[in-house]
């Protein structure tokens, strides 16, 4: 039982989240990445569509990760925030 607890809590704790907070955050990132990927595929076929969607999404995802790490490091000094 301890192994299961460690498997599902160690990484979320390393980024300052519990399991459900991490599930929500990772699902949000994953969903946006899937939609961005579809936009990029459509852009490949129809170059006049979604001309800045992929690059804009990458910039936004990066900003969200950096802001989240900074917020966590302020609230929990010593936390690396590496994901």
Protein backbone atom coordinates (compact mmCIF):
# COMPACT_ATOMS: atom_id res chain seq x y z
CA UNK A 1 0.00 0.00 0.00
CA UNK A 2 2.86 2.39 0.76
CA UNK A 3 4.20 1.86 -2.76
CA UNK A 4 0.88 2.96 -4.28
CA UNK A 5 0.75 6.02 -2.06
CA UNK A 6 4.32 6.96 -3.03
CA UNK A 7 3.67 6.38 -6.73
CA UNK A 8 0.67 8.70 -6.73
CA UNK A 9 1.93 11.38 -4.34
CA UNK A 10 5.70 11.74 -4.66
CA UNK A 11 5.85 13.72 -7.90
CA UNK A 12 2.81 15.93 -7.17
CA UNK A 13 4.34 16.77 -3.78
CA UNK A 14 7.64 17.63 -5.46
CA UNK A 15 5.87 20.41 -7.36
CA UNK A 16 3.84 21.58 -4.36
CA UNK A 17 0.54 19.92 -5.25
CA UNK A 18 -1.59 17.10 -3.96
CA UNK A 19 -2.78 14.38 -6.32
CA UNK A 20 -5.98 16.13 -7.39
CA UNK A 21 -4.33 19.53 -7.87
CA UNK A 22 -1.72 17.86 -10.05
CA UNK A 23 -4.40 15.95 -11.99
CA UNK A 24 -6.24 19.19 -12.70
CA UNK A 25 -3.09 21.08 -13.73
CA UNK A 26 -1.69 18.27 -15.90
CA UNK A 27 -5.08 17.67 -17.53
CA UNK A 28 -5.39 21.36 -18.32
CA UNK A 29 -1.95 21.41 -19.95
CA UNK A 30 -2.63 18.16 -21.80
CA UNK A 31 -5.97 19.32 -23.13
CA UNK A 32 -4.52 22.57 -24.40
CA UNK A 33 -1.63 20.67 -25.99
CA UNK A 34 -4.04 18.32 -27.78
CA UNK A 35 -6.08 21.22 -29.13
CA UNK A 36 -2.90 23.02 -30.16
CA UNK A 37 -1.66 19.88 -31.90
CA UNK A 38 -4.89 19.62 -33.86
CA UNK A 39 -4.56 23.28 -34.84
CA UNK A 40 -0.99 22.61 -36.04
CA UNK A 41 -2.12 19.62 -38.09
CA UNK A 42 -4.89 21.70 -39.66
CA UNK A 43 -2.35 24.45 -40.33
CA UNK A 44 -0.12 21.96 -42.13
CA UNK A 45 -2.95 21.09 -44.52
CA UNK A 46 -4.40 24.59 -44.76
CA UNK A 47 -1.49 27.02 -44.19
CA UNK A 48 -3.83 30.01 -44.03
CA UNK A 49 -5.52 28.64 -40.87
CA UNK A 50 -4.16 28.87 -37.31
CA UNK A 51 -1.04 30.75 -38.39
CA UNK A 52 0.00 31.70 -34.85
CA UNK A 53 -1.97 29.23 -32.72
CA UNK A 54 0.84 26.72 -32.12
CA UNK A 55 3.53 29.23 -31.24
CA UNK A 56 1.11 31.25 -29.12
CA UNK A 57 0.06 28.16 -27.22
CA UNK A 58 3.66 27.18 -26.53
CA UNK A 59 4.40 30.68 -25.20
CA UNK A 60 1.28 30.58 -23.00
CA UNK A 61 2.00 27.10 -21.64
CA UNK A 62 5.58 28.12 -20.82
CA UNK A 63 4.40 31.30 -19.10
CA UNK A 64 1.86 29.31 -17.08
CA UNK A 65 4.52 26.84 -15.97
CA UNK A 66 7.00 29.56 -15.02
CA UNK A 67 4.37 31.57 -13.14
CA UNK A 68 3.19 28.45 -11.31
CA UNK A 69 6.76 27.59 -10.28
CA UNK A 70 7.38 31.14 -9.06
CA UNK A 71 4.12 31.15 -7.07
CA UNK A 72 5.03 27.80 -5.49
CA UNK A 73 8.58 28.84 -4.63
CA UNK A 74 7.24 31.95 -2.87
CA UNK A 75 4.68 29.95 -0.88
CA UNK A 76 7.08 27.05 -0.22
CA UNK A 77 10.69 28.21 0.02
CA UNK A 78 13.19 25.59 -1.09
CA UNK A 79 10.77 23.92 -3.52
CA UNK A 80 12.46 23.29 -6.85
CA UNK A 81 9.21 23.29 -8.85
CA UNK A 82 10.77 21.12 -11.57
CA UNK A 83 8.15 19.14 -13.47
